[in-house]
């Protein structure tokens, strides 16, 4: 997770865009060998303390909420997922989920329609 996404998570915590018809997309993740795509619109950083070999370790994860495109268009839906769940996916030939590095300033409506917001994300997502 880069600094930009970390900053956007503070602006768009869980439930912060509930009433908006268009929600600003924080990040897009996709599986290159299929249709699966995750559009994150809100999220909270989760910190867990654990002990490994007698030493305290803090693990960090992100609980996202957003729109997910499944293998079949009839399976597309809004839902929650953990960043660590995406990081655990390894498909054929070692293919993994990637973050779209060029996805920026987009909004999504309740039906999963994406629109670009080239100049002002706040005006776009009203």
N, C-alpha and C. Protein backbone atom coordinates (compact mmCIF):
# COMPACT_ATOMS: atom_id res chain seq x y z
N UNK A 1 0.86 -1.18 0.00
CA UNK A 1 0.00 0.00 0.00
C UNK A 1 0.90 1.24 0.00
N UNK A 2 0.64 2.13 -0.92
CA UNK A 2 1.48 3.32 -1.00
C UNK A 2 0.90 4.47 -0.15
N UNK A 3 1.65 5.58 -0.07
CA UNK A 3 1.25 6.71 0.76
C UNK A 3 -0.04 7.36 0.26
N UNK A 4 -0.26 7.37 -1.05
CA UNK A 4 -1.48 7.98 -1.59
C UNK A 4 -2.71 7.22 -1.12
N UNK A 5 -2.67 5.89 -1.19
CA UNK A 5 -3.82 5.10 -0.75
C UNK A 5 -4.00 5.24 0.76
N UNK A 6 -2.91 5.24 1.50
CA UNK A 6 -2.98 5.42 2.96
C UNK A 6 -3.68 6.76 3.28
N UNK A 7 -3.34 7.81 2.54
CA UNK A 7 -3.97 9.12 2.75
C UNK A 7 -5.45 9.08 2.39
N UNK A 8 -5.79 8.43 1.28
CA UNK A 8 -7.19 8.33 0.87
C UNK A 8 -8.03 7.55 1.88
N UNK A 9 -7.42 6.58 2.55
CA UNK A 9 -8.16 5.83 3.57
C UNK A 9 -8.58 6.73 4.73
N UNK A 10 -7.77 7.73 5.04
CA UNK A 10 -8.15 8.66 6.11
C UNK A 10 -9.30 9.57 5.64
N UNK A 11 -9.37 9.85 4.35
CA UNK A 11 -10.45 10.68 3.80
C UNK A 11 -11.74 9.89 3.58
N UNK A 12 -11.60 8.58 3.31
CA UNK A 12 -12.75 7.74 2.98
C UNK A 12 -12.77 6.48 3.85
N UNK A 13 -12.99 6.63 5.17
CA UNK A 13 -13.12 5.44 6.01
C UNK A 13 -14.43 4.71 5.71
N UNK A 14 -14.58 3.52 6.26
CA UNK A 14 -15.81 2.75 6.04
C UNK A 14 -17.05 3.59 6.36
N UNK A 15 -18.04 3.48 5.53
CA UNK A 15 -19.36 4.12 5.64
C UNK A 15 -19.36 5.62 5.32
N UNK A 16 -18.23 6.18 4.90
CA UNK A 16 -18.15 7.61 4.65
C UNK A 16 -18.83 8.04 3.35
N UNK A 17 -19.06 7.11 2.43
CA UNK A 17 -19.67 7.48 1.15
C UNK A 17 -21.04 6.83 0.95
N UNK A 18 -21.63 6.36 2.04
CA UNK A 18 -22.91 5.64 1.95
C UNK A 18 -24.00 6.39 1.21
N UNK A 19 -24.11 7.67 1.42
CA UNK A 19 -25.22 8.44 0.86
C UNK A 19 -24.93 9.00 -0.53
N UNK A 20 -23.73 8.81 -1.04
CA UNK A 20 -23.38 9.38 -2.34
C UNK A 20 -23.82 8.46 -3.48
N UNK A 21 -24.46 9.02 -4.52
CA UNK A 21 -24.83 8.18 -5.66
C UNK A 21 -23.60 7.70 -6.45
N UNK A 22 -22.56 8.53 -6.50
CA UNK A 22 -21.28 8.15 -7.09
C UNK A 22 -20.23 8.17 -6.00
N UNK A 23 -19.49 7.08 -5.87
CA UNK A 23 -18.49 6.96 -4.82
C UNK A 23 -17.09 7.04 -5.43
N UNK A 24 -16.22 7.81 -4.80
CA UNK A 24 -14.85 7.94 -5.27
C UNK A 24 -14.12 6.61 -5.05
N UNK A 25 -13.40 6.14 -6.07
CA UNK A 25 -12.67 4.87 -5.98
C UNK A 25 -11.24 5.15 -5.49
N UNK A 26 -10.90 4.56 -4.36
CA UNK A 26 -9.58 4.73 -3.74
C UNK A 26 -8.51 3.97 -4.53
N UNK A 27 -8.84 2.73 -4.90
CA UNK A 27 -7.87 1.89 -5.60
C UNK A 27 -8.60 0.81 -6.38
N UNK A 28 -7.94 0.34 -7.42
CA UNK A 28 -8.47 -0.76 -8.23
C UNK A 28 -7.46 -1.91 -8.20
N UNK A 29 -7.94 -3.10 -7.86
CA UNK A 29 -7.13 -4.31 -7.88
C UNK A 29 -7.74 -5.24 -8.92
N UNK A 30 -6.91 -6.03 -9.59
CA UNK A 30 -7.44 -6.92 -10.62
C UNK A 30 -6.60 -8.19 -10.69
N UNK A 31 -7.24 -9.24 -11.21
CA UNK A 31 -6.57 -10.51 -11.45
C UNK A 31 -6.32 -10.60 -12.95
N UNK A 32 -5.07 -10.55 -13.40
CA UNK A 32 -4.76 -10.46 -14.83
C UNK A 32 -5.23 -11.64 -15.68
N UNK A 33 -5.48 -12.79 -15.07
CA UNK A 33 -5.86 -13.96 -15.84
C UNK A 33 -7.36 -14.21 -15.83
N UNK A 34 -8.13 -13.18 -15.50
CA UNK A 34 -9.58 -13.36 -15.46
C UNK A 34 -10.28 -12.03 -15.36
N UNK A 35 -11.55 -12.09 -15.05
CA UNK A 35 -12.39 -10.89 -15.00
C UNK A 35 -12.40 -10.25 -13.61
N UNK A 36 -11.95 -10.96 -12.59
CA UNK A 36 -12.04 -10.45 -11.22
C UNK A 36 -11.37 -9.09 -11.09
N UNK A 37 -12.14 -8.12 -10.56
CA UNK A 37 -11.66 -6.77 -10.32
C UNK A 37 -12.32 -6.25 -9.05
N UNK A 38 -11.53 -5.58 -8.23
CA UNK A 38 -12.01 -5.03 -6.96
C UNK A 38 -11.82 -3.52 -7.01
N UNK A 39 -12.94 -2.77 -6.89
CA UNK A 39 -12.89 -1.31 -6.84
C UNK A 39 -13.13 -0.89 -5.39
N UNK A 40 -12.10 -0.46 -4.70
CA UNK A 40 -12.20 -0.08 -3.29
C UNK A 40 -12.68 1.37 -3.18
N UNK A 41 -13.79 1.60 -2.46
CA UNK A 41 -14.30 2.96 -2.29
C UNK A 41 -14.15 3.47 -0.86
N UNK A 42 -13.96 2.56 0.08
CA UNK A 42 -13.78 2.93 1.49
C UNK A 42 -12.89 1.88 2.14
N UNK A 43 -12.29 2.25 3.26
CA UNK A 43 -11.49 1.25 3.96
C UNK A 43 -10.96 1.76 5.29
N UNK A 44 -10.66 0.81 6.17
CA UNK A 44 -10.05 1.10 7.46
C UNK A 44 -8.79 0.27 7.62
N UNK A 45 -7.76 0.91 8.14
CA UNK A 45 -6.53 0.18 8.46
C UNK A 45 -6.76 -0.56 9.77
N UNK A 46 -6.38 -1.82 9.78
CA UNK A 46 -6.52 -2.67 10.96
C UNK A 46 -5.13 -3.05 11.44
N UNK A 47 -4.87 -2.82 12.72
CA UNK A 47 -3.57 -3.20 13.30
C UNK A 47 -3.79 -4.27 14.35
N UNK A 48 -3.03 -5.37 14.25
CA UNK A 48 -3.12 -6.46 15.21
C UNK A 48 -1.76 -6.70 15.82
N UNK A 49 -1.73 -6.79 17.13
CA UNK A 49 -0.49 -7.13 17.80
C UNK A 49 -0.46 -8.64 18.02
N UNK A 50 0.68 -9.22 17.75
CA UNK A 50 0.86 -10.66 17.96
C UNK A 50 2.28 -10.88 18.46
N UNK A 51 2.55 -12.07 18.92
CA UNK A 51 3.89 -12.41 19.40
C UNK A 51 4.47 -13.50 18.52
N UNK A 52 5.66 -13.24 18.01
CA UNK A 52 6.37 -14.23 17.20
C UNK A 52 7.74 -14.44 17.82
N UNK A 53 8.01 -15.68 18.22
CA UNK A 53 9.29 -16.01 18.88
C UNK A 53 9.56 -15.10 20.08
N UNK A 54 8.53 -14.81 20.84
CA UNK A 54 8.68 -14.00 22.05
C UNK A 54 8.77 -12.51 21.81
N UNK A 55 8.65 -12.07 20.56
CA UNK A 55 8.74 -10.64 20.27
C UNK A 55 7.38 -10.12 19.79
N UNK A 56 7.02 -8.96 20.30
CA UNK A 56 5.76 -8.33 19.88
C UNK A 56 5.90 -7.80 18.46
N UNK A 57 4.92 -8.16 17.63
CA UNK A 57 4.91 -7.73 16.23
C UNK A 57 3.54 -7.13 15.93
N UNK A 58 3.54 -6.01 15.22
CA UNK A 58 2.29 -5.39 14.81
C UNK A 58 2.08 -5.67 13.33
N UNK A 59 0.98 -6.36 13.02
CA UNK A 59 0.63 -6.64 11.63
C UNK A 59 -0.43 -5.63 11.20
N UNK A 60 -0.30 -5.15 9.98
CA UNK A 60 -1.25 -4.18 9.46
C UNK A 60 -1.98 -4.76 8.26
N UNK A 61 -3.26 -4.51 8.19
CA UNK A 61 -4.09 -4.96 7.08
C UNK A 61 -5.09 -3.86 6.78
N UNK A 62 -5.83 -3.99 5.70
CA UNK A 62 -6.86 -3.01 5.35
C UNK A 62 -8.16 -3.76 5.06
N UNK A 63 -9.23 -3.32 5.71
CA UNK A 63 -10.56 -3.83 5.40
C UNK A 63 -11.18 -2.84 4.43
N UNK A 64 -11.40 -3.30 3.19
CA UNK A 64 -11.97 -2.47 2.14
C UNK A 64 -13.46 -2.78 1.97
N UNK A 65 -14.18 -1.78 1.46
CA UNK A 65 -15.54 -1.98 0.97
C UNK A 65 -15.55 -1.43 -0.45
N UNK A 66 -16.21 -2.15 -1.35
CA UNK A 66 -16.27 -1.67 -2.72
C UNK A 66 -17.03 -2.61 -3.63
N UNK A 67 -16.87 -2.39 -4.91
CA UNK A 67 -17.58 -3.15 -5.93
C UNK A 67 -16.64 -4.20 -6.51
N UNK A 68 -17.15 -5.43 -6.63
CA UNK A 68 -16.34 -6.54 -7.11
C UNK A 68 -16.96 -7.13 -8.37
N UNK A 69 -16.14 -7.22 -9.43
CA UNK A 69 -16.55 -7.92 -10.64
C UNK A 69 -16.10 -9.36 -10.50
N UNK A 70 -17.05 -10.30 -10.62
CA UNK A 70 -16.72 -11.72 -10.49
C UNK A 70 -16.44 -12.34 -11.84
N UNK A 71 -16.32 -13.66 -11.87
CA UNK A 71 -16.07 -14.38 -13.13
C UNK A 71 -17.22 -14.23 -14.11
N UNK A 72 -18.42 -14.04 -13.59
CA UNK A 72 -19.63 -13.93 -14.40
C UNK A 72 -20.30 -12.59 -14.07
N UNK A 73 -20.72 -11.82 -15.06
CA UNK A 73 -21.35 -10.52 -14.77
C UNK A 73 -22.55 -10.59 -13.84
N UNK A 74 -23.22 -11.75 -13.77
CA UNK A 74 -24.36 -11.86 -12.86
C UNK A 74 -23.91 -11.97 -11.40
N UNK A 75 -22.61 -12.10 -11.17
CA UNK A 75 -22.07 -12.22 -9.81
C UNK A 75 -21.47 -10.93 -9.28
N UNK A 76 -21.50 -9.85 -10.05
CA UNK A 76 -20.93 -8.58 -9.61
C UNK A 76 -21.72 -8.07 -8.40
N UNK A 77 -21.00 -7.55 -7.37
CA UNK A 77 -21.69 -7.12 -6.17
C UNK A 77 -20.81 -6.21 -5.32
N UNK A 78 -21.46 -5.51 -4.40
CA UNK A 78 -20.77 -4.71 -3.38
C UNK A 78 -20.42 -5.63 -2.22
N UNK A 79 -19.26 -5.40 -1.62
CA UNK A 79 -18.89 -6.23 -0.48
C UNK A 79 -17.60 -5.78 0.18
N UNK A 80 -17.20 -6.54 1.20
CA UNK A 80 -16.01 -6.26 2.00
C UNK A 80 -14.93 -7.29 1.68
N UNK A 81 -13.66 -6.87 1.78
CA UNK A 81 -12.55 -7.80 1.65
C UNK A 81 -11.34 -7.22 2.36
N UNK A 82 -10.42 -8.08 2.71
CA UNK A 82 -9.15 -7.67 3.32
C UNK A 82 -8.07 -7.63 2.24
N UNK A 83 -7.18 -6.66 2.35
CA UNK A 83 -6.05 -6.59 1.43
C UNK A 83 -5.24 -7.88 1.50
N UNK A 84 -5.08 -8.43 2.69
CA UNK A 84 -4.31 -9.68 2.85
C UNK A 84 -4.95 -10.84 2.08
N UNK A 85 -6.28 -10.83 1.93
CA UNK A 85 -6.94 -11.88 1.15
C UNK A 85 -6.54 -11.79 -0.32
N UNK A 86 -6.46 -10.57 -0.84
CA UNK A 86 -6.04 -10.41 -2.23
C UNK A 86 -4.59 -10.83 -2.41
N UNK A 87 -3.75 -10.53 -1.43
CA UNK A 87 -2.33 -10.87 -1.51
C UNK A 87 -2.09 -12.38 -1.46
N UNK A 88 -3.04 -13.13 -0.92
CA UNK A 88 -2.90 -14.59 -0.82
C UNK A 88 -3.31 -15.33 -2.10
N UNK A 89 -3.96 -14.65 -3.02
CA UNK A 89 -4.44 -15.30 -4.24
C UNK A 89 -3.27 -15.55 -5.18
N UNK A 90 -3.07 -16.83 -5.50
CA UNK A 90 -2.04 -17.22 -6.47
C UNK A 90 -2.69 -18.21 -7.42
N UNK A 91 -2.76 -17.82 -8.68
CA UNK A 91 -3.40 -18.66 -9.68
C UNK A 91 -2.40 -19.48 -10.47
N UNK A 92 -2.87 -19.97 -11.59
CA UNK A 92 -2.04 -20.77 -12.49
C UNK A 92 -0.79 -19.99 -12.88
N UNK A 93 0.32 -20.68 -12.90
CA UNK A 93 1.62 -20.10 -13.28
C UNK A 93 2.06 -18.98 -12.33
N UNK A 94 1.52 -18.98 -11.11
CA UNK A 94 1.94 -17.99 -10.12
C UNK A 94 1.36 -16.60 -10.30
N UNK A 95 0.32 -16.48 -11.11
CA UNK A 95 -0.29 -15.17 -11.35
C UNK A 95 -0.99 -14.69 -10.07
N UNK A 96 -0.76 -13.43 -9.72
CA UNK A 96 -1.32 -12.86 -8.49
C UNK A 96 -2.16 -11.62 -8.81
N UNK A 97 -2.92 -11.19 -7.82
CA UNK A 97 -3.71 -9.96 -7.94
C UNK A 97 -2.76 -8.77 -7.94
N UNK A 98 -3.07 -7.79 -8.78
CA UNK A 98 -2.23 -6.59 -8.89
C UNK A 98 -3.08 -5.35 -8.63
N UNK A 99 -2.41 -4.29 -8.18
CA UNK A 99 -3.08 -2.99 -8.08
C UNK A 99 -2.84 -2.26 -9.40
N UNK A 100 -3.90 -1.68 -9.95
CA UNK A 100 -3.78 -0.91 -11.20
C UNK A 100 -3.08 0.41 -10.88
N UNK A 101 -1.84 0.53 -11.29
CA UNK A 101 -1.03 1.69 -10.97
C UNK A 101 -1.47 2.95 -11.71
N UNK A 102 -2.23 2.79 -12.78
CA UNK A 102 -2.63 3.92 -13.61
C UNK A 102 -4.10 4.32 -13.41
N UNK A 103 -4.77 3.66 -12.50
CA UNK A 103 -6.17 3.97 -12.21
C UNK A 103 -6.21 5.16 -11.26
N UNK A 104 -6.87 6.25 -11.68
CA UNK A 104 -6.85 7.47 -10.87
C UNK A 104 -8.09 8.30 -11.14
N UNK A 105 -8.58 8.95 -10.10
CA UNK A 105 -9.70 9.90 -10.20
C UNK A 105 -10.91 9.34 -10.95
N UNK A 106 -11.45 8.27 -10.40
CA UNK A 106 -12.65 7.65 -10.96
C UNK A 106 -13.71 7.53 -9.87
N UNK A 107 -14.96 7.52 -10.31
CA UNK A 107 -16.10 7.30 -9.42
C UNK A 107 -16.92 6.14 -9.96
N UNK A 108 -17.69 5.52 -9.06
CA UNK A 108 -18.51 4.38 -9.43
C UNK A 108 -19.90 4.56 -8.83
N UNK A 109 -20.94 4.17 -9.58
CA UNK A 109 -22.29 4.27 -9.05
C UNK A 109 -22.73 2.91 -8.49
N UNK A 110 -23.95 2.86 -7.97
CA UNK A 110 -24.40 1.63 -7.31
C UNK A 110 -24.52 0.44 -8.26
N UNK A 111 -24.56 0.70 -9.56
CA UNK A 111 -24.67 -0.37 -10.56
C UNK A 111 -23.31 -0.80 -11.10
N UNK A 112 -22.24 -0.17 -10.62
CA UNK A 112 -20.90 -0.53 -11.07
C UNK A 112 -20.42 0.23 -12.29
N UNK A 113 -21.12 1.29 -12.65
CA UNK A 113 -20.69 2.11 -13.79
C UNK A 113 -19.59 3.07 -13.33
N UNK A 114 -18.49 3.07 -14.07
CA UNK A 114 -17.32 3.89 -13.74
C UNK A 114 -17.35 5.15 -14.59
N UNK A 115 -16.98 6.28 -13.97
CA UNK A 115 -16.79 7.49 -14.76
C UNK A 115 -15.54 8.21 -14.28
N UNK A 116 -14.88 8.85 -15.23
CA UNK A 116 -13.62 9.54 -14.95
C UNK A 116 -13.90 10.93 -14.41
N UNK A 117 -13.05 11.38 -13.49
CA UNK A 117 -13.14 12.70 -12.89
C UNK A 117 -11.80 13.39 -13.10
N UNK A 118 -11.52 13.90 -14.29
CA UNK A 118 -10.18 14.39 -14.60
C UNK A 118 -9.74 15.59 -13.80
N UNK A 119 -10.65 16.46 -13.40
CA UNK A 119 -10.22 17.70 -12.74
C UNK A 119 -10.58 17.78 -11.27
N UNK A 120 -11.78 17.37 -10.90
CA UNK A 120 -12.26 17.57 -9.54
C UNK A 120 -13.04 16.36 -9.08
N UNK A 121 -12.42 15.52 -8.26
CA UNK A 121 -13.08 14.30 -7.80
C UNK A 121 -14.31 14.59 -6.95
N UNK A 122 -14.29 15.69 -6.19
CA UNK A 122 -15.43 16.00 -5.34
C UNK A 122 -16.66 16.38 -6.16
N UNK A 123 -16.48 17.16 -7.20
CA UNK A 123 -17.60 17.55 -8.06
C UNK A 123 -18.10 16.35 -8.85
N UNK A 124 -17.20 15.47 -9.26
CA UNK A 124 -17.54 14.30 -10.07
C UNK A 124 -18.39 13.32 -9.28
N UNK A 125 -18.11 13.18 -8.02
CA UNK A 125 -18.75 12.13 -7.21
C UNK A 125 -19.96 12.61 -6.44
N UNK A 126 -20.56 13.72 -6.83
CA UNK A 126 -21.76 14.20 -6.14
C UNK A 126 -22.91 13.27 -6.37
